[in-house]
């Protein structure tokens, strides 16, 4: 996903966060498959994908706040949905 936003600082921050998330998800997938891709690797894979998503939402929230971009609440809700806590 690539965002196009009028606030270019925010655009860059979110696109970098998305790029980092994609790298983390790819690494998790490769680790999962290297381990045989079975039930024994599922918990570690799930945890890694959750961490990657949470890091993306935290970075996006920080960018919204730093750059005065509305919509932060949507990302806070998504982060809550993943972590179970309000941050």
PDB file of N, CA and C in Angstrom:
ATOM      1  N   UNK A   1       0.841  -1.160   0.000  1.00  0.00           N
ATOM      2  CA  UNK A   1       0.000   0.000   0.000  1.00  0.00           C
ATOM      3  C   UNK A   1       0.896   1.236   0.000  1.00  0.00           C
ATOM      4  N   UNK A   2       0.610   2.154  -0.858  1.00  0.00           N
ATOM      5  CA  UNK A   2       1.311   3.431  -0.886  1.00  0.00           C
ATOM      6  C   UNK A   2       0.253   4.516  -0.723  1.00  0.00           C
ATOM      7  N   UNK A   3       0.493   5.412   0.221  1.00  0.00           N
ATOM      8  CA  UNK A   3      -0.474   6.489   0.378  1.00  0.00           C
ATOM      9  C   UNK A   3       0.019   7.730  -0.351  1.00  0.00           C
ATOM     10  N   UNK A   4      -0.938   8.501  -0.798  1.00  0.00           N
ATOM     11  CA  UNK A   4      -0.666   9.805  -1.401  1.00  0.00           C
ATOM     12  C   UNK A   4      -1.436  10.801  -0.554  1.00  0.00           C
ATOM     13  N   UNK A   5      -0.727  11.689   0.105  1.00  0.00           N
ATOM     14  CA  UNK A   5      -1.361  12.610   1.042  1.00  0.00           C
ATOM     15  C   UNK A   5      -0.836  14.014   0.778  1.00  0.00           C
ATOM     16  N   UNK A   6      -1.680  15.028   0.967  1.00  0.00           N
ATOM     17  CA  UNK A   6      -1.223  16.407   0.750  1.00  0.00           C
ATOM     18  C   UNK A   6      -0.074  16.802   1.685  1.00  0.00           C
ATOM     19  N   UNK A   7      -0.068  16.237   2.902  1.00  0.00           N
ATOM     20  CA  UNK A   7       1.022  16.505   3.838  1.00  0.00           C
ATOM     21  C   UNK A   7       2.146  15.515   3.520  1.00  0.00           C
ATOM     22  N   UNK A   8       3.159  15.981   2.839  1.00  0.00           N
ATOM     23  CA  UNK A   8       4.219  15.090   2.340  1.00  0.00           C
ATOM     24  C   UNK A   8       5.056  14.476   3.453  1.00  0.00           C
ATOM     25  N   UNK A   9       5.192  15.173   4.576  1.00  0.00           N
ATOM     26  CA  UNK A   9       5.924  14.587   5.718  1.00  0.00           C
ATOM     27  C   UNK A   9       5.168  13.346   6.212  1.00  0.00           C
ATOM     28  N   UNK A  10       3.859  13.509   6.348  1.00  0.00           N
ATOM     29  CA  UNK A  10       3.022  12.390   6.795  1.00  0.00           C
ATOM     30  C   UNK A  10       3.059  11.270   5.756  1.00  0.00           C
ATOM     31  N   UNK A  11       2.944  11.627   4.513  1.00  0.00           N
ATOM     32  CA  UNK A  11       2.989  10.634   3.437  1.00  0.00           C
ATOM     33  C   UNK A  11       4.270   9.813   3.517  1.00  0.00           C
ATOM     34  N   UNK A  12       5.396  10.490   3.657  1.00  0.00           N
ATOM     35  CA  UNK A  12       6.683   9.798   3.730  1.00  0.00           C
ATOM     36  C   UNK A  12       6.759   8.896   4.959  1.00  0.00           C
ATOM     37  N   UNK A  13       6.317   9.414   6.110  1.00  0.00           N
ATOM     38  CA  UNK A  13       6.362   8.626   7.349  1.00  0.00           C
ATOM     39  C   UNK A  13       5.524   7.359   7.245  1.00  0.00           C
ATOM     40  N   UNK A  14       4.318   7.495   6.727  1.00  0.00           N
ATOM     41  CA  UNK A  14       3.430   6.328   6.627  1.00  0.00           C
ATOM     42  C   UNK A  14       3.938   5.345   5.570  1.00  0.00           C
ATOM     43  N   UNK A  15       4.454   5.856   4.475  1.00  0.00           N
ATOM     44  CA  UNK A  15       4.991   4.952   3.453  1.00  0.00           C
ATOM     45  C   UNK A  15       6.220   4.211   3.966  1.00  0.00           C
ATOM     46  N   UNK A  16       7.059   4.863   4.756  1.00  0.00           N
ATOM     47  CA  UNK A  16       8.211   4.180   5.352  1.00  0.00           C
ATOM     48  C   UNK A  16       7.752   3.120   6.359  1.00  0.00           C
ATOM     49  N   UNK A  17       6.726   3.459   7.129  1.00  0.00           N
ATOM     50  CA  UNK A  17       6.182   2.493   8.092  1.00  0.00           C
ATOM     51  C   UNK A  17       5.597   1.280   7.368  1.00  0.00           C
ATOM     52  N   UNK A  18       4.904   1.529   6.275  1.00  0.00           N
ATOM     53  CA  UNK A  18       4.340   0.422   5.491  1.00  0.00           C
ATOM     54  C   UNK A  18       5.453  -0.440   4.896  1.00  0.00           C
ATOM     55  N   UNK A  19       6.499   0.189   4.422  1.00  0.00           N
ATOM     56  CA  UNK A  19       7.627  -0.552   3.861  1.00  0.00           C
ATOM     57  C   UNK A  19       8.266  -1.440   4.927  1.00  0.00           C
ATOM     58  N   UNK A  20       8.473  -0.890   6.107  1.00  0.00           N
ATOM     59  CA  UNK A  20       9.053  -1.668   7.213  1.00  0.00           C
ATOM     60  C   UNK A  20       8.139  -2.834   7.585  1.00  0.00           C
ATOM     61  N   UNK A  21       6.835  -2.594   7.569  1.00  0.00           N
ATOM     62  CA  UNK A  21       5.877  -3.656   7.878  1.00  0.00           C
ATOM     63  C   UNK A  21       5.972  -4.774   6.847  1.00  0.00           C
ATOM     64  N   UNK A  22       6.070  -4.423   5.582  1.00  0.00           N
ATOM     65  CA  UNK A  22       6.151  -5.433   4.531  1.00  0.00           C
ATOM     66  C   UNK A  22       7.425  -6.269   4.658  1.00  0.00           C
ATOM     67  N   UNK A  23       8.531  -5.626   5.024  1.00  0.00           N
ATOM     68  CA  UNK A  23       9.788  -6.350   5.237  1.00  0.00           C
ATOM     69  C   UNK A  23       9.632  -7.326   6.404  1.00  0.00           C
ATOM     70  N   UNK A  24       9.016  -6.864   7.496  1.00  0.00           N
ATOM     71  CA  UNK A  24       8.815  -7.726   8.666  1.00  0.00           C
ATOM     72  C   UNK A  24       7.879  -8.896   8.345  1.00  0.00           C
ATOM     73  N   UNK A  25       6.824  -8.620   7.589  1.00  0.00           N
ATOM     74  CA  UNK A  25       5.897  -9.694   7.216  1.00  0.00           C
ATOM     75  C   UNK A  25       6.562 -10.722   6.310  1.00  0.00           C
ATOM     76  N   UNK A  26       7.409 -10.250   5.399  1.00  0.00           N
ATOM     77  CA  UNK A  26       8.129 -11.168   4.515  1.00  0.00           C
ATOM     78  C   UNK A  26       9.090 -12.040   5.318  1.00  0.00           C
ATOM     79  N   UNK A  27       9.780 -11.435   6.286  1.00  0.00           N
ATOM     80  CA  UNK A  27      10.700 -12.203   7.126  1.00  0.00           C
ATOM     81  C   UNK A  27       9.931 -13.245   7.943  1.00  0.00           C
ATOM     82  N   UNK A  28       8.777 -12.866   8.460  1.00  0.00           N
ATOM     83  CA  UNK A  28       7.961 -13.809   9.236  1.00  0.00           C
ATOM     84  C   UNK A  28       7.507 -14.974   8.352  1.00  0.00           C
ATOM     85  N   UNK A  29       7.101 -14.665   7.138  1.00  0.00           N
ATOM     86  CA  UNK A  29       6.661 -15.711   6.213  1.00  0.00           C
ATOM     87  C   UNK A  29       7.804 -16.664   5.879  1.00  0.00           C
ATOM     88  N   UNK A  30       8.971 -16.102   5.612  1.00  0.00           N
ATOM     89  CA  UNK A  30      10.133 -16.936   5.283  1.00  0.00           C
ATOM     90  C   UNK A  30      10.530 -17.822   6.458  1.00  0.00           C
ATOM     91  N   UNK A  31      10.489 -17.279   7.667  1.00  0.00           N
ATOM     92  CA  UNK A  31      10.815 -18.058   8.860  1.00  0.00           C
ATOM     93  C   UNK A  31       9.798 -19.177   9.058  1.00  0.00           C
ATOM     94  N   UNK A  32       8.542 -18.844   8.857  1.00  0.00           N
ATOM     95  CA  UNK A  32       7.463 -19.827   8.974  1.00  0.00           C
ATOM     96  C   UNK A  32       7.685 -20.980   7.994  1.00  0.00           C
ATOM     97  N   UNK A  33       7.948 -20.642   6.747  1.00  0.00           N
ATOM     98  CA  UNK A  33       8.142 -21.676   5.729  1.00  0.00           C
ATOM     99  C   UNK A  33       9.424 -22.470   5.956  1.00  0.00           C
ATOM    100  N   UNK A  34      10.484 -21.801   6.405  1.00  0.00           N
ATOM    101  CA  UNK A  34      11.744 -22.494   6.667  1.00  0.00           C
ATOM    102  C   UNK A  34      11.592 -23.511   7.792  1.00  0.00           C
ATOM    103  N   UNK A  35      10.683 -23.241   8.708  1.00  0.00           N
ATOM    104  CA  UNK A  35      10.431 -24.167   9.808  1.00  0.00           C
ATOM    105  C   UNK A  35       9.459 -25.271   9.457  1.00  0.00           C
ATOM    106  N   UNK A  36       9.038 -25.327   8.224  1.00  0.00           N
ATOM    107  CA  UNK A  36       8.137 -26.371   7.783  1.00  0.00           C
ATOM    108  C   UNK A  36       6.695 -25.906   7.633  1.00  0.00           C
ATOM    109  N   UNK A  37       6.400 -24.709   8.112  1.00  0.00           N
ATOM    110  CA  UNK A  37       5.071 -24.146   7.927  1.00  0.00           C
ATOM    111  C   UNK A  37       3.954 -24.841   8.673  1.00  0.00           C
ATOM    112  N   UNK A  38       4.298 -25.634   9.652  1.00  0.00           N
ATOM    113  CA  UNK A  38       3.272 -26.386  10.376  1.00  0.00           C
ATOM    114  C   UNK A  38       2.756 -25.669  11.611  1.00  0.00           C
ATOM    115  N   UNK A  39       1.943 -26.375  12.363  1.00  0.00           N
ATOM    116  CA  UNK A  39       1.346 -25.802  13.569  1.00  0.00           C
ATOM    117  C   UNK A  39       2.389 -25.323  14.586  1.00  0.00           C
ATOM    118  N   UNK A  40       3.550 -25.943  14.589  1.00  0.00           N
ATOM    119  CA  UNK A  40       4.599 -25.545  15.523  1.00  0.00           C
ATOM    120  C   UNK A  40       5.131 -24.146  15.276  1.00  0.00           C
ATOM    121  N   UNK A  41       5.025 -23.674  14.052  1.00  0.00           N
ATOM    122  CA  UNK A  41       5.501 -22.344  13.708  1.00  0.00           C
ATOM    123  C   UNK A  41       4.389 -21.289  13.706  1.00  0.00           C
ATOM    124  N   UNK A  42       3.142 -21.742  13.804  1.00  0.00           N
ATOM    125  CA  UNK A  42       2.013 -20.820  13.655  1.00  0.00           C
ATOM    126  C   UNK A  42       1.989 -19.728  14.719  1.00  0.00           C
ATOM    127  N   UNK A  43       2.242 -20.076  15.966  1.00  0.00           N
ATOM    128  CA  UNK A  43       2.196 -19.076  17.042  1.00  0.00           C
ATOM    129  C   UNK A  43       3.255 -17.997  16.838  1.00  0.00           C
ATOM    130  N   UNK A  44       4.457 -18.414  16.450  1.00  0.00           N
ATOM    131  CA  UNK A  44       5.529 -17.437  16.215  1.00  0.00           C
ATOM    132  C   UNK A  44       5.196 -16.548  15.021  1.00  0.00           C
ATOM    133  N   UNK A  45       4.626 -17.136  13.990  1.00  0.00           N
ATOM    134  CA  UNK A  45       4.231 -16.363  12.808  1.00  0.00           C
ATOM    135  C   UNK A  45       3.139 -15.355  13.170  1.00  0.00           C
ATOM    136  N   UNK A  46       2.151 -15.800  13.904  1.00  0.00           N
ATOM    137  CA  UNK A  46       1.069 -14.907  14.316  1.00  0.00           C
ATOM    138  C   UNK A  46       1.595 -13.752  15.165  1.00  0.00           C
ATOM    139  N   UNK A  47       2.505 -14.056  16.083  1.00  0.00           N
ATOM    140  CA  UNK A  47       3.083 -13.014  16.938  1.00  0.00           C
ATOM    141  C   UNK A  47       3.881 -12.011  16.109  1.00  0.00           C
ATOM    142  N   UNK A  48       4.643 -12.503  15.149  1.00  0.00           N
ATOM    143  CA  UNK A  48       5.453 -11.612  14.310  1.00  0.00           C
ATOM    144  C   UNK A  48       4.580 -10.703  13.450  1.00  0.00           C
ATOM    145  N   UNK A  49       3.495 -11.240  12.918  1.00  0.00           N
ATOM    146  CA  UNK A  49       2.621 -10.403  12.097  1.00  0.00           C
ATOM    147  C   UNK A  49       1.891  -9.374  12.957  1.00  0.00           C
ATOM    148  N   UNK A  50       1.543  -9.757  14.161  1.00  0.00           N
ATOM    149  CA  UNK A  50       0.890  -8.828  15.089  1.00  0.00           C
ATOM    150  C   UNK A  50       1.844  -7.684  15.444  1.00  0.00           C
ATOM    151  N   UNK A  51       3.096  -8.015  15.711  1.00  0.00           N
ATOM    152  CA  UNK A  51       4.097  -6.992  16.018  1.00  0.00           C
ATOM    153  C   UNK A  51       4.310  -6.044  14.839  1.00  0.00           C
ATOM    154  N   UNK A  52       4.350  -6.583  13.642  1.00  0.00           N
ATOM    155  CA  UNK A  52       4.541  -5.751  12.454  1.00  0.00           C
ATOM    156  C   UNK A  52       3.367  -4.797  12.264  1.00  0.00           C
ATOM    157  N   UNK A  53       2.155  -5.301  12.436  1.00  0.00           N
ATOM    158  CA  UNK A  53       0.971  -4.448  12.308  1.00  0.00           C
ATOM    159  C   UNK A  53       0.948  -3.379  13.398  1.00  0.00           C
ATOM    160  N   UNK A  54       1.251  -3.762  14.629  1.00  0.00           N
ATOM    161  CA  UNK A  54       1.245  -2.807  15.734  1.00  0.00           C
ATOM    162  C   UNK A  54       2.288  -1.703  15.515  1.00  0.00           C
ATOM    163  N   UNK A  55       3.464  -2.082  15.040  1.00  0.00           N
ATOM    164  CA  UNK A  55       4.512  -1.082  14.776  1.00  0.00           C
ATOM    165  C   UNK A  55       4.054  -0.105  13.696  1.00  0.00           C
ATOM    166  N   UNK A  56       3.370  -0.612  12.670  1.00  0.00           N
ATOM    167  CA  UNK A  56       2.843   0.261  11.621  1.00  0.00           C
ATOM    168  C   UNK A  56       1.847   1.256  12.199  1.00  0.00           C
ATOM    169  N   UNK A  57       0.908   0.765  12.987  1.00  0.00           N
ATOM    170  CA  UNK A  57      -0.103   1.666  13.546  1.00  0.00           C
ATOM    171  C   UNK A  57       0.512   2.680  14.507  1.00  0.00           C
ATOM    172  N   UNK A  58       1.477   2.262  15.300  1.00  0.00           N
ATOM    173  CA  UNK A  58       2.144   3.220  16.202  1.00  0.00           C
ATOM    174  C   UNK A  58       2.851   4.320  15.410  1.00  0.00           C
ATOM    175  N   UNK A  59       3.538   3.943  14.356  1.00  0.00           N
ATOM    176  CA  UNK A  59       4.237   4.934  13.529  1.00  0.00           C
ATOM    177  C   UNK A  59       3.247   5.874  12.851  1.00  0.00           C
ATOM    178  N   UNK A  60       2.125   5.332  12.399  1.00  0.00           N
ATOM    179  CA  UNK A  60       1.110   6.155  11.741  1.00  0.00           C
ATOM    180  C   UNK A  60       0.467   7.123  12.721  1.00  0.00           C
ATOM    181  N   UNK A  61       0.177   6.647  13.922  1.00  0.00           N
ATOM    182  CA  UNK A  61      -0.366   7.523  14.965  1.00  0.00           C
ATOM    183  C   UNK A  61       0.618   8.641  15.275  1.00  0.00           C
ATOM    184  N   UNK A  62       1.876   8.293  15.448  1.00  0.00           N
ATOM    185  CA  UNK A  62       2.902   9.301  15.743  1.00  0.00           C
ATOM    186  C   UNK A  62       2.990  10.331  14.629  1.00  0.00           C
ATOM    187  N   UNK A  63       2.872   9.883  13.396  1.00  0.00           N
ATOM    188  CA  UNK A  63       2.927  10.811  12.267  1.00  0.00           C
ATOM    189  C   UNK A  63       1.705  11.728  12.244  1.00  0.00           C
ATOM    190  N   UNK A  64       0.539  11.168  12.519  1.00  0.00           N
ATOM    191  CA  UNK A  64      -0.668  11.997  12.583  1.00  0.00           C
ATOM    192  C   UNK A  64      -0.507  13.101  13.621  1.00  0.00           C
ATOM    193  N   UNK A  65      -0.025  12.735  14.788  1.00  0.00           N
ATOM    194  CA  UNK A  65       0.146  13.707  15.875  1.00  0.00           C
ATOM    195  C   UNK A  65       1.212  14.738  15.505  1.00  0.00           C
ATOM    196  N   UNK A  66       2.354  14.271  15.034  1.00  0.00           N
ATOM    197  CA  UNK A  66       3.466  15.169  14.723  1.00  0.00           C
ATOM    198  C   UNK A  66       3.155  16.127  13.583  1.00  0.00           C
ATOM    199  N   UNK A  67       2.353  15.660  12.646  1.00  0.00           N
ATOM    200  CA  UNK A  67       2.084  16.468  11.456  1.00  0.00           C
ATOM    201  C   UNK A  67       0.704  17.122  11.445  1.00  0.00           C
ATOM    202  N   UNK A  68      -0.029  16.994  12.545  1.00  0.00           N
ATOM    203  CA  UNK A  68      -1.341  17.615  12.629  1.00  0.00           C
ATOM    204  C   UNK A  68      -2.350  17.061  11.638  1.00  0.00           C
ATOM    205  N   UNK A  69      -2.240  15.773  11.360  1.00  0.00           N
ATOM    206  CA  UNK A  69      -3.138  15.127  10.392  1.00  0.00           C
ATOM    207  C   UNK A  69      -4.292  14.472  11.144  1.00  0.00           C
ATOM    208  N   UNK A  70      -5.543  14.787  10.773  1.00  0.00           N
ATOM    209  CA  UNK A  70      -6.671  14.142  11.437  1.00  0.00           C
ATOM    210  C   UNK A  70      -6.758  12.663  11.056  1.00  0.00           C
ATOM    211  N   UNK A  71      -7.484  11.913  11.841  1.00  0.00           N
ATOM    212  CA  UNK A  71      -7.675  10.495  11.550  1.00  0.00           C
ATOM    213  C   UNK A  71      -6.935   9.583  12.504  1.00  0.00           C
ATOM    214  N   UNK A  72      -6.267  10.173  13.454  1.00  0.00           N
ATOM    215  CA  UNK A  72      -5.491   9.400  14.424  1.00  0.00           C
ATOM    216  C   UNK A  72      -6.359   8.368  15.148  1.00  0.00           C
ATOM    217  N   UNK A  73      -7.601   8.716  15.452  1.00  0.00           N
ATOM    218  CA  UNK A  73      -8.483   7.829  16.214  1.00  0.00           C
ATOM    219  C   UNK A  73      -8.714   6.500  15.488  1.00  0.00           C
ATOM    220  N   UNK A  74      -8.800   6.538  14.186  1.00  0.00           N
ATOM    221  CA  UNK A  74      -8.997   5.311  13.409  1.00  0.00           C
ATOM    222  C   UNK A  74      -7.823   4.359  13.606  1.00  0.00           C
ATOM    223  N   UNK A  75      -6.617   4.908  13.592  1.00  0.00           N
ATOM    224  CA  UNK A  75      -5.427   4.074  13.761  1.00  0.00           C
ATOM    225  C   UNK A  75      -5.290   3.599  15.202  1.00  0.00           C
ATOM    226  N   UNK A  76      -5.711   4.438  16.158  1.00  0.00           N
ATOM    227  CA  UNK A  76      -5.708   3.996  17.560  1.00  0.00           C
ATOM    228  C   UNK A  76      -6.671   2.823  17.748  1.00  0.00           C
ATOM    229  N   UNK A  77      -7.821   2.874  17.098  1.00  0.00           N
ATOM    230  CA  UNK A  77      -8.775   1.769  17.190  1.00  0.00           C
ATOM    231  C   UNK A  77      -8.168   0.502  16.585  1.00  0.00           C
ATOM    232  N   UNK A  78      -7.511   0.637  15.451  1.00  0.00           N
ATOM    233  CA  UNK A  78      -6.871  -0.527  14.818  1.00  0.00           C
ATOM    234  C   UNK A  78      -5.783  -1.102  15.713  1.00  0.00           C
ATOM    235  N   UNK A  79      -5.003  -0.231  16.338  1.00  0.00           N
ATOM    236  CA  UNK A  79      -3.958  -0.694  17.256  1.00  0.00           C
ATOM    237  C   UNK A  79      -4.591  -1.413  18.451  1.00  0.00           C
ATOM    238  N   UNK A  80      -5.670  -0.854  18.953  1.00  0.00           N
ATOM    239  CA  UNK A  80      -6.382  -1.500  20.061  1.00  0.00           C
ATOM    240  C   UNK A  80      -6.893  -2.876  19.643  1.00  0.00           C
ATOM    241  N   UNK A  81      -7.427  -2.969  18.452  1.00  0.00           N
ATOM    242  CA  UNK A  81      -7.945  -4.246  17.966  1.00  0.00           C
ATOM    243  C   UNK A  81      -6.851  -5.314  17.917  1.00  0.00           C
ATOM    244  N   UNK A  82      -5.640  -4.905  17.639  1.00  0.00           N
ATOM    245  CA  UNK A  82      -4.516  -5.845  17.533  1.00  0.00           C
ATOM    246  C   UNK A  82      -3.929  -6.181  18.906  1.00  0.00           C
ATOM    247  N   UNK A  83      -3.731  -5.145  19.727  1.00  0.00           N
ATOM    248  CA  UNK A  83      -3.013  -5.345  20.997  1.00  0.00           C
ATOM    249  C   UNK A  83      -3.931  -5.566  22.189  1.00  0.00           C
ATOM    250  N   UNK A  84      -5.168  -5.106  22.070  1.00  0.00           N
ATOM    251  CA  UNK A  84      -6.095  -5.239  23.195  1.00  0.00           C
ATOM    252  C   UNK A  84      -5.949  -4.147  24.233  1.00  0.00           C
ATOM    253  N   UNK A  85      -5.104  -3.170  23.959  1.00  0.00           N
ATOM    254  CA  UNK A  85      -4.914  -2.062  24.904  1.00  0.00           C
ATOM    255  C   UNK A  85      -5.009  -0.734  24.152  1.00  0.00           C
ATOM    256  N   UNK A  86      -5.389   0.292  24.878  1.00  0.00           N
ATOM    257  CA  UNK A  86      -5.416   1.643  24.298  1.00  0.00           C
ATOM    258  C   UNK A  86      -4.066   2.279  24.511  1.00  0.00           C
ATOM    259  N   UNK A  87      -3.516   2.824  23.440  1.00  0.00           N
ATOM    260  CA  UNK A  87      -2.189   3.448  23.525  1.00  0.00           C
ATOM    261  C   UNK A  87      -2.216   4.797  22.881  1.00  0.00           C
TER     262      UNK A  87
END
